[in-house]
């Protein structure tokens, strides 16, 4: 295994461990379900949300067939991303793909363990009498978004694509 690929694997494992540790702590130790909303700052709360859909709560389904389909799609995506990571030419792309893979596996573990993804972070802003909330998310989601953003950066300003002969 190349050194660059090793960094991608380490990024995936670190993402997975941090994600699962944070969710385990919030659900089983801190007992966020019993505590309810915990206000940390005027714009950030800890909450418990069970996301049965995919990104940002899209395609909410709680049936076993829907969960199996989502898990199958996620498994195929992880395999495709792992192949891409093994073939990536830049350290940034390799690390980015590691973040995405670790996040996807972390959310997949939730789906297997709980039937839904554990989301807990909520940013919000109050303007006048109206409160605007962002989607509730977790560390796996942060890693996935950061990985995608870094991949986009790498695609525009990374190594130029190889030219065909």
N, C-alpha and C. Protein backbone atom coordinates (compact mmCIF):
# COMPACT_ATOMS: atom_id res chain seq x y z
N UNK A 1 0.85 -1.17 0.00
CA UNK A 1 0.00 0.00 0.00
C UNK A 1 0.90 1.23 0.00
N UNK A 2 0.59 2.17 -0.88
CA UNK A 2 1.40 3.38 -0.96
C UNK A 2 1.16 4.26 0.27
N UNK A 3 2.11 5.14 0.53
CA UNK A 3 1.99 6.05 1.66
C UNK A 3 0.76 6.94 1.51
N UNK A 4 0.51 7.42 0.30
CA UNK A 4 -0.64 8.28 0.04
C UNK A 4 -1.94 7.53 0.36
N UNK A 5 -2.04 6.29 -0.09
CA UNK A 5 -3.24 5.50 0.17
C UNK A 5 -3.38 5.24 1.67
N UNK A 6 -2.27 5.04 2.36
CA UNK A 6 -2.31 4.84 3.81
C UNK A 6 -2.94 6.04 4.50
N UNK A 7 -2.62 7.24 4.04
CA UNK A 7 -3.20 8.45 4.63
C UNK A 7 -4.72 8.48 4.41
N UNK A 8 -5.17 8.04 3.26
CA UNK A 8 -6.60 7.98 2.99
C UNK A 8 -7.30 6.99 3.90
N UNK A 9 -6.68 5.84 4.10
CA UNK A 9 -7.25 4.82 4.99
C UNK A 9 -7.29 5.35 6.42
N UNK A 10 -6.22 6.02 6.84
CA UNK A 10 -6.18 6.61 8.19
C UNK A 10 -7.27 7.66 8.34
N UNK A 11 -7.47 8.50 7.31
CA UNK A 11 -8.54 9.51 7.35
C UNK A 11 -9.91 8.84 7.49
N UNK A 12 -10.12 7.75 6.77
CA UNK A 12 -11.40 7.04 6.84
C UNK A 12 -11.61 6.45 8.23
N UNK A 13 -10.58 5.82 8.78
CA UNK A 13 -10.70 5.19 10.10
C UNK A 13 -10.89 6.25 11.18
N UNK A 14 -10.12 7.34 11.12
CA UNK A 14 -10.26 8.40 12.12
C UNK A 14 -11.65 9.02 12.08
N UNK A 15 -12.16 9.25 10.87
CA UNK A 15 -13.51 9.80 10.72
C UNK A 15 -14.53 8.85 11.32
N UNK A 16 -14.41 7.58 11.00
CA UNK A 16 -15.35 6.57 11.50
C UNK A 16 -15.31 6.50 13.03
N UNK A 17 -14.12 6.46 13.61
CA UNK A 17 -13.99 6.35 15.06
C UNK A 17 -14.55 7.59 15.77
N UNK A 18 -14.18 8.78 15.29
CA UNK A 18 -14.69 10.01 15.92
C UNK A 18 -16.21 10.12 15.79
N UNK A 19 -16.73 9.77 14.62
CA UNK A 19 -18.17 9.82 14.40
C UNK A 19 -18.90 8.87 15.34
N UNK A 20 -18.48 7.63 15.37
CA UNK A 20 -19.17 6.64 16.20
C UNK A 20 -19.00 6.93 17.68
N UNK A 21 -17.83 7.41 18.09
CA UNK A 21 -17.61 7.76 19.50
C UNK A 21 -18.52 8.91 19.92
N UNK A 22 -18.64 9.93 19.07
CA UNK A 22 -19.50 11.07 19.42
C UNK A 22 -20.96 10.64 19.52
N UNK A 23 -21.42 9.81 18.62
CA UNK A 23 -22.80 9.34 18.65
C UNK A 23 -23.05 8.44 19.86
N UNK A 24 -22.11 7.53 20.13
CA UNK A 24 -22.26 6.65 21.28
C UNK A 24 -22.34 7.46 22.56
N UNK A 25 -21.44 8.43 22.70
CA UNK A 25 -21.42 9.25 23.90
C UNK A 25 -22.73 10.02 24.07
N UNK A 26 -23.18 10.66 22.99
CA UNK A 26 -24.41 11.45 23.09
C UNK A 26 -25.65 10.60 23.38
N UNK A 27 -25.74 9.43 22.78
CA UNK A 27 -26.93 8.60 22.95
C UNK A 27 -26.88 7.78 24.24
N UNK A 28 -25.74 7.19 24.56
CA UNK A 28 -25.68 6.23 25.66
C UNK A 28 -25.07 6.78 26.95
N UNK A 29 -24.22 7.76 26.88
CA UNK A 29 -23.58 8.30 28.09
C UNK A 29 -24.26 9.61 28.50
N UNK A 30 -24.28 10.58 27.64
CA UNK A 30 -24.88 11.88 27.91
C UNK A 30 -26.41 11.78 27.96
N UNK A 31 -26.97 10.77 27.29
CA UNK A 31 -28.41 10.51 27.24
C UNK A 31 -29.19 11.72 26.72
N UNK A 32 -28.84 12.12 25.50
CA UNK A 32 -29.46 13.29 24.88
C UNK A 32 -30.98 13.12 24.72
N UNK A 33 -31.46 11.89 24.58
CA UNK A 33 -32.90 11.66 24.44
C UNK A 33 -33.63 12.11 25.70
N UNK A 34 -33.07 11.85 26.86
CA UNK A 34 -33.69 12.25 28.13
C UNK A 34 -33.53 13.75 28.38
N UNK A 35 -32.38 14.28 28.04
CA UNK A 35 -32.11 15.70 28.29
C UNK A 35 -32.87 16.64 27.37
N UNK A 36 -33.15 16.18 26.15
CA UNK A 36 -33.78 17.05 25.17
C UNK A 36 -32.76 18.03 24.59
N UNK A 37 -33.23 19.15 24.10
CA UNK A 37 -32.35 20.14 23.49
C UNK A 37 -31.40 20.73 24.52
N UNK A 38 -30.11 20.77 24.17
CA UNK A 38 -29.09 21.36 25.04
C UNK A 38 -28.52 22.56 24.30
N UNK A 39 -28.78 23.74 24.82
CA UNK A 39 -28.29 24.97 24.19
C UNK A 39 -26.84 25.19 24.61
N UNK A 40 -25.92 25.18 23.62
CA UNK A 40 -24.51 25.40 23.90
C UNK A 40 -24.11 26.85 23.67
N UNK A 41 -24.66 27.46 22.64
CA UNK A 41 -24.40 28.87 22.34
C UNK A 41 -25.73 29.47 21.85
N UNK A 42 -25.78 30.78 21.63
CA UNK A 42 -27.02 31.36 21.10
C UNK A 42 -27.36 30.87 19.68
N UNK A 43 -26.41 30.20 19.01
CA UNK A 43 -26.65 29.77 17.63
C UNK A 43 -26.41 28.28 17.41
N UNK A 44 -26.10 27.51 18.47
CA UNK A 44 -25.78 26.09 18.30
C UNK A 44 -26.35 25.28 19.46
N UNK A 45 -27.12 24.23 19.11
CA UNK A 45 -27.72 23.34 20.11
C UNK A 45 -27.35 21.89 19.81
N UNK A 46 -27.37 21.07 20.84
CA UNK A 46 -27.33 19.62 20.68
C UNK A 46 -28.77 19.13 20.78
N UNK A 47 -29.18 18.34 19.82
CA UNK A 47 -30.51 17.77 19.78
C UNK A 47 -30.37 16.32 19.34
N UNK A 48 -31.43 15.56 19.44
CA UNK A 48 -31.40 14.19 18.92
C UNK A 48 -32.41 14.08 17.79
N UNK A 49 -31.93 13.71 16.62
CA UNK A 49 -32.81 13.50 15.46
C UNK A 49 -32.42 12.17 14.82
N UNK A 50 -33.42 11.35 14.57
CA UNK A 50 -33.21 10.06 13.91
C UNK A 50 -33.55 10.24 12.44
N UNK A 51 -32.53 10.26 11.59
CA UNK A 51 -32.70 10.49 10.16
C UNK A 51 -32.84 9.14 9.44
N UNK A 52 -34.04 8.85 8.99
CA UNK A 52 -34.28 7.59 8.29
C UNK A 52 -34.07 7.73 6.79
N UNK A 53 -33.84 8.95 6.31
CA UNK A 53 -33.64 9.17 4.89
C UNK A 53 -32.16 9.23 4.54
N UNK A 54 -31.86 9.97 3.49
CA UNK A 54 -30.48 10.17 3.10
C UNK A 54 -30.10 11.61 3.41
N UNK A 55 -29.15 12.16 2.73
CA UNK A 55 -28.63 13.49 3.02
C UNK A 55 -29.73 14.51 3.27
N UNK A 56 -29.55 15.28 4.32
CA UNK A 56 -30.46 16.35 4.70
C UNK A 56 -31.89 15.86 4.92
N UNK A 57 -32.05 14.57 5.25
CA UNK A 57 -33.36 14.03 5.53
C UNK A 57 -34.21 13.72 4.31
N UNK A 58 -33.64 13.80 3.12
CA UNK A 58 -34.40 13.49 1.91
C UNK A 58 -34.77 12.01 1.89
N UNK A 59 -35.87 11.69 1.23
CA UNK A 59 -36.33 10.32 1.04
C UNK A 59 -36.52 9.59 2.36
N UNK A 60 -37.26 10.18 3.27
CA UNK A 60 -37.53 9.56 4.57
C UNK A 60 -38.38 8.31 4.38
N UNK A 61 -37.86 7.19 4.81
CA UNK A 61 -38.58 5.92 4.77
C UNK A 61 -38.20 5.13 6.01
N UNK A 62 -39.19 4.52 6.65
CA UNK A 62 -38.86 3.74 7.83
C UNK A 62 -39.10 2.25 7.63
N UNK A 63 -39.50 1.84 6.44
CA UNK A 63 -39.72 0.43 6.18
C UNK A 63 -38.41 -0.31 5.99
N UNK A 64 -38.39 -1.60 6.29
CA UNK A 64 -37.16 -2.38 6.15
C UNK A 64 -36.66 -2.45 4.71
N UNK A 65 -37.57 -2.51 3.75
CA UNK A 65 -37.14 -2.58 2.34
C UNK A 65 -36.40 -1.31 1.94
N UNK A 66 -36.92 -0.16 2.36
CA UNK A 66 -36.26 1.11 2.03
C UNK A 66 -34.89 1.19 2.68
N UNK A 67 -34.77 0.71 3.92
CA UNK A 67 -33.49 0.72 4.61
C UNK A 67 -32.48 -0.19 3.91
N UNK A 68 -32.94 -1.33 3.43
CA UNK A 68 -32.05 -2.26 2.72
C UNK A 68 -31.56 -1.63 1.42
N UNK A 69 -32.47 -0.97 0.69
CA UNK A 69 -32.08 -0.31 -0.56
C UNK A 69 -31.05 0.79 -0.28
N UNK A 70 -31.29 1.61 0.74
CA UNK A 70 -30.33 2.67 1.09
C UNK A 70 -28.98 2.09 1.48
N UNK A 71 -28.97 1.00 2.24
CA UNK A 71 -27.71 0.36 2.63
C UNK A 71 -26.98 -0.22 1.42
N UNK A 72 -27.71 -0.80 0.49
CA UNK A 72 -27.09 -1.36 -0.71
C UNK A 72 -26.45 -0.25 -1.55
N UNK A 73 -27.17 0.85 -1.70
CA UNK A 73 -26.63 1.99 -2.45
C UNK A 73 -25.37 2.52 -1.77
N UNK A 74 -25.42 2.63 -0.45
CA UNK A 74 -24.27 3.12 0.31
C UNK A 74 -23.07 2.18 0.16
N UNK A 75 -23.32 0.87 0.20
CA UNK A 75 -22.23 -0.11 0.07
C UNK A 75 -21.56 0.00 -1.30
N UNK A 76 -22.37 0.11 -2.34
CA UNK A 76 -21.81 0.26 -3.69
C UNK A 76 -21.00 1.56 -3.78
N UNK A 77 -21.53 2.63 -3.21
CA UNK A 77 -20.83 3.93 -3.25
C UNK A 77 -19.50 3.84 -2.53
N UNK A 78 -19.44 3.16 -1.39
CA UNK A 78 -18.19 3.04 -0.64
C UNK A 78 -17.16 2.25 -1.45
N UNK A 79 -17.59 1.19 -2.11
CA UNK A 79 -16.66 0.41 -2.94
C UNK A 79 -16.12 1.26 -4.09
N UNK A 80 -17.00 1.99 -4.77
CA UNK A 80 -16.58 2.85 -5.87
C UNK A 80 -15.60 3.92 -5.36
N UNK A 81 -15.91 4.53 -4.22
CA UNK A 81 -15.02 5.55 -3.66
C UNK A 81 -13.68 4.96 -3.24
N UNK A 82 -13.68 3.74 -2.73
CA UNK A 82 -12.42 3.09 -2.34
C UNK A 82 -11.54 2.82 -3.56
N UNK A 83 -12.15 2.40 -4.66
CA UNK A 83 -11.38 2.18 -5.89
C UNK A 83 -10.82 3.52 -6.38
N UNK A 84 -11.64 4.55 -6.34
CA UNK A 84 -11.19 5.89 -6.74
C UNK A 84 -10.04 6.34 -5.84
N UNK A 85 -10.16 6.11 -4.53
CA UNK A 85 -9.10 6.51 -3.60
C UNK A 85 -7.80 5.77 -3.91
N UNK A 86 -7.89 4.48 -4.22
CA UNK A 86 -6.70 3.70 -4.53
C UNK A 86 -6.01 4.20 -5.80
N UNK A 87 -6.78 4.81 -6.70
CA UNK A 87 -6.23 5.30 -7.97
C UNK A 87 -5.95 6.80 -7.97
N UNK A 88 -6.29 7.49 -6.89
CA UNK A 88 -6.14 8.95 -6.89
C UNK A 88 -4.67 9.34 -7.02
N UNK A 89 -4.46 10.51 -7.61
CA UNK A 89 -3.10 10.95 -7.91
C UNK A 89 -2.59 12.02 -6.96
N UNK A 90 -3.46 12.57 -6.12
CA UNK A 90 -3.02 13.62 -5.21
C UNK A 90 -3.35 13.24 -3.77
N UNK A 91 -2.56 13.75 -2.85
CA UNK A 91 -2.80 13.50 -1.44
C UNK A 91 -4.14 14.10 -1.01
N UNK A 92 -4.46 15.30 -1.53
CA UNK A 92 -5.72 15.93 -1.16
C UNK A 92 -6.92 15.08 -1.59
N UNK A 93 -6.89 14.56 -2.79
CA UNK A 93 -7.99 13.70 -3.26
C UNK A 93 -8.08 12.43 -2.41
N UNK A 94 -6.94 11.85 -2.08
CA UNK A 94 -6.92 10.63 -1.28
C UNK A 94 -7.51 10.89 0.11
N UNK A 95 -7.09 11.97 0.76
CA UNK A 95 -7.62 12.32 2.08
C UNK A 95 -9.11 12.64 2.00
N UNK A 96 -9.50 13.37 0.96
CA UNK A 96 -10.91 13.72 0.78
C UNK A 96 -11.78 12.48 0.64
N UNK A 97 -11.34 11.56 -0.17
CA UNK A 97 -12.09 10.31 -0.35
C UNK A 97 -12.12 9.50 0.94
N UNK A 98 -11.04 9.53 1.71
CA UNK A 98 -11.03 8.87 3.01
C UNK A 98 -12.07 9.46 3.95
N UNK A 99 -12.19 10.80 3.96
CA UNK A 99 -13.22 11.44 4.79
C UNK A 99 -14.62 11.01 4.37
N UNK A 100 -14.86 10.99 3.07
CA UNK A 100 -16.18 10.60 2.56
C UNK A 100 -16.49 9.15 2.90
N UNK A 101 -15.51 8.27 2.70
CA UNK A 101 -15.71 6.85 3.00
C UNK A 101 -15.97 6.64 4.49
N UNK A 102 -15.17 7.27 5.34
CA UNK A 102 -15.37 7.13 6.79
C UNK A 102 -16.73 7.63 7.22
N UNK A 103 -17.16 8.76 6.66
CA UNK A 103 -18.48 9.30 6.99
C UNK A 103 -19.60 8.40 6.51
N UNK A 104 -19.47 7.88 5.31
CA UNK A 104 -20.50 6.99 4.76
C UNK A 104 -20.62 5.71 5.59
N UNK A 105 -19.49 5.15 5.97
CA UNK A 105 -19.52 3.93 6.79
C UNK A 105 -20.10 4.24 8.17
N UNK A 106 -19.73 5.38 8.75
CA UNK A 106 -20.28 5.76 10.06
C UNK A 106 -21.79 5.87 10.04
N UNK A 107 -22.32 6.54 9.04
CA UNK A 107 -23.78 6.66 8.93
C UNK A 107 -24.41 5.30 8.60
N UNK A 108 -23.69 4.47 7.85
CA UNK A 108 -24.20 3.12 7.55
C UNK A 108 -24.29 2.26 8.80
N UNK A 109 -23.31 2.39 9.69
CA UNK A 109 -23.35 1.64 10.96
C UNK A 109 -24.58 2.05 11.76
N UNK A 110 -24.87 3.35 11.80
CA UNK A 110 -26.07 3.82 12.50
C UNK A 110 -27.32 3.16 11.92
N UNK A 111 -27.38 3.13 10.61
CA UNK A 111 -28.56 2.57 9.94
C UNK A 111 -28.72 1.09 10.31
N UNK A 112 -27.61 0.37 10.39
CA UNK A 112 -27.68 -1.04 10.80
C UNK A 112 -28.04 -1.18 12.27
N UNK A 113 -27.45 -0.35 13.13
CA UNK A 113 -27.64 -0.47 14.57
C UNK A 113 -29.00 0.06 15.03
N UNK A 114 -29.44 1.17 14.46
CA UNK A 114 -30.64 1.84 14.96
C UNK A 114 -31.79 1.92 13.95
N UNK A 115 -31.52 1.60 12.69
CA UNK A 115 -32.54 1.76 11.66
C UNK A 115 -32.64 3.19 11.15
N UNK A 116 -31.76 4.06 11.63
CA UNK A 116 -31.73 5.47 11.24
C UNK A 116 -30.36 6.03 11.61
N UNK A 117 -30.04 7.17 11.03
CA UNK A 117 -28.77 7.84 11.33
C UNK A 117 -28.97 8.79 12.50
N UNK A 118 -28.03 8.76 13.44
CA UNK A 118 -28.07 9.65 14.61
C UNK A 118 -27.52 11.01 14.19
N UNK A 119 -28.38 12.02 14.22
CA UNK A 119 -27.96 13.40 13.97
C UNK A 119 -28.15 14.19 15.27
N UNK A 120 -27.27 15.18 15.50
CA UNK A 120 -27.32 15.85 16.80
C UNK A 120 -26.92 17.32 16.80
N UNK A 121 -26.33 17.83 15.78
CA UNK A 121 -25.83 19.21 15.77
C UNK A 121 -26.81 20.11 15.02
N UNK A 122 -27.18 21.22 15.64
CA UNK A 122 -28.14 22.13 15.03
C UNK A 122 -27.67 23.57 15.15
N UNK A 123 -27.39 24.19 14.01
CA UNK A 123 -27.11 25.62 13.95
C UNK A 123 -28.41 26.35 13.64
N UNK A 124 -28.57 27.53 14.24
CA UNK A 124 -29.78 28.31 14.01
C UNK A 124 -29.47 29.79 14.23
N UNK A 125 -30.35 30.62 13.69
CA UNK A 125 -30.23 32.06 13.88
C UNK A 125 -31.63 32.62 14.06
N UNK A 126 -31.74 33.56 14.95
CA UNK A 126 -33.04 34.21 15.19
C UNK A 126 -32.97 35.61 14.61
N UNK A 127 -33.91 35.91 13.73
CA UNK A 127 -34.02 37.24 13.13
C UNK A 127 -35.43 37.73 13.42
N UNK A 128 -35.51 38.73 14.27
CA UNK A 128 -36.81 39.21 14.70
C UNK A 128 -37.51 38.14 15.50
N UNK A 129 -38.71 37.79 15.11
CA UNK A 129 -39.50 36.76 15.80
C UNK A 129 -39.36 35.39 15.14
N UNK A 130 -38.53 35.30 14.10
CA UNK A 130 -38.41 34.04 13.36
C UNK A 130 -37.06 33.39 13.60
N UNK A 131 -37.08 32.09 13.87
CA UNK A 131 -35.85 31.31 14.02
C UNK A 131 -35.64 30.49 12.76
N UNK A 132 -34.45 30.59 12.19
CA UNK A 132 -34.08 29.82 11.01
C UNK A 132 -33.11 28.72 11.44
N UNK A 133 -33.48 27.47 11.15
CA UNK A 133 -32.66 26.31 11.53
C UNK A 133 -31.98 25.72 10.31
N UNK A 134 -30.73 25.30 10.49
CA UNK A 134 -30.05 24.51 9.49
C UNK A 134 -30.46 23.07 9.71
N UNK A 135 -30.09 22.18 8.81
CA UNK A 135 -30.38 20.76 8.99
C UNK A 135 -29.62 20.25 10.20
N UNK A 136 -30.20 19.28 10.91
CA UNK A 136 -29.51 18.62 12.00
C UNK A 136 -28.53 17.63 11.37
N UNK A 137 -27.29 17.61 11.86
CA UNK A 137 -26.25 16.79 11.24
C UNK A 137 -25.35 16.17 12.29
N UNK A 138 -24.34 15.41 11.84
CA UNK A 138 -23.40 14.75 12.74
C UNK A 138 -21.99 14.88 12.17
N UNK A 139 -21.00 14.29 12.85
CA UNK A 139 -19.60 14.42 12.39
C UNK A 139 -19.37 13.71 11.07
N UNK A 140 -20.07 12.61 10.81
CA UNK A 140 -19.93 11.93 9.52
C UNK A 140 -20.36 12.85 8.39
N UNK A 141 -21.45 13.58 8.61
CA UNK A 141 -21.93 14.52 7.59
C UNK A 141 -20.90 15.63 7.34
N UNK A 142 -20.29 16.12 8.42
CA UNK A 142 -19.25 17.15 8.28
C UNK A 142 -18.09 16.62 7.45
N UNK A 143 -17.67 15.38 7.73
CA UNK A 143 -16.56 14.79 6.98
C UNK A 143 -16.92 14.61 5.51
N UNK A 144 -18.14 14.19 5.23
CA UNK A 144 -18.57 14.00 3.84
C UNK A 144 -18.57 15.33 3.10
N UNK A 145 -19.14 16.36 3.71
CA UNK A 145 -19.19 17.68 3.06
C UNK A 145 -17.78 18.24 2.88
N UNK A 146 -16.92 18.11 3.90
CA UNK A 146 -15.54 18.59 3.78
C UNK A 146 -14.81 17.82 2.69
N UNK A 147 -15.03 16.51 2.62
CA UNK A 147 -14.39 15.70 1.59
C UNK A 147 -14.82 16.09 0.19
N UNK A 148 -16.10 16.33 0.01
CA UNK A 148 -16.60 16.75 -1.31
C UNK A 148 -16.04 18.12 -1.67
N UNK A 149 -16.03 19.05 -0.71
CA UNK A 149 -15.48 20.38 -0.98
C UNK A 149 -14.01 20.30 -1.36
N UNK A 150 -13.25 19.47 -0.66
CA UNK A 150 -11.82 19.33 -0.97
C UNK A 150 -11.62 18.65 -2.32
N UNK A 151 -12.48 17.70 -2.67
CA UNK A 151 -12.40 17.08 -3.99
C UNK A 151 -12.66 18.10 -5.09
N UNK A 152 -13.65 18.96 -4.88
CA UNK A 152 -13.92 20.02 -5.86
C UNK A 152 -12.73 20.96 -5.98
N UNK A 153 -12.15 21.33 -4.86
CA UNK A 153 -10.97 22.19 -4.88
C UNK A 153 -9.85 21.50 -5.67
N UNK A 154 -9.61 20.22 -5.36
CA UNK A 154 -8.55 19.48 -6.03
C UNK A 154 -8.82 19.35 -7.53
N UNK A 155 -10.08 19.21 -7.91
CA UNK A 155 -10.38 19.05 -9.34
C UNK A 155 -10.13 20.33 -10.12
N UNK A 156 -10.25 21.48 -9.46
CA UNK A 156 -10.02 22.76 -10.14
C UNK A 156 -8.57 23.22 -10.05
N UNK A 157 -7.92 22.96 -8.91
CA UNK A 157 -6.57 23.51 -8.71
C UNK A 157 -5.53 22.46 -8.41
N UNK A 158 -5.88 21.17 -8.50
CA UNK A 158 -4.93 20.09 -8.26
C UNK A 158 -4.11 19.80 -9.51
N UNK A 159 -3.58 18.61 -9.57
CA UNK A 159 -2.80 18.19 -10.74
C UNK A 159 -3.66 18.20 -11.99
N UNK A 160 -3.13 18.63 -13.12
CA UNK A 160 -3.93 18.58 -14.35
C UNK A 160 -4.16 17.12 -14.76
N UNK A 161 -5.29 16.89 -15.42
CA UNK A 161 -5.63 15.54 -15.87
C UNK A 161 -4.61 15.08 -16.89
N UNK A 162 -4.37 13.77 -16.91
CA UNK A 162 -3.44 13.19 -17.88
C UNK A 162 -4.05 13.31 -19.28
N UNK A 163 -3.25 13.67 -20.25
CA UNK A 163 -3.71 13.80 -21.63
C UNK A 163 -3.63 12.44 -22.31
N UNK A 164 -4.64 12.16 -23.11
CA UNK A 164 -4.62 10.93 -23.90
C UNK A 164 -3.59 11.06 -25.03
N UNK A 165 -2.93 9.96 -25.40
CA UNK A 165 -1.90 10.05 -26.45
C UNK A 165 -2.49 10.38 -27.80
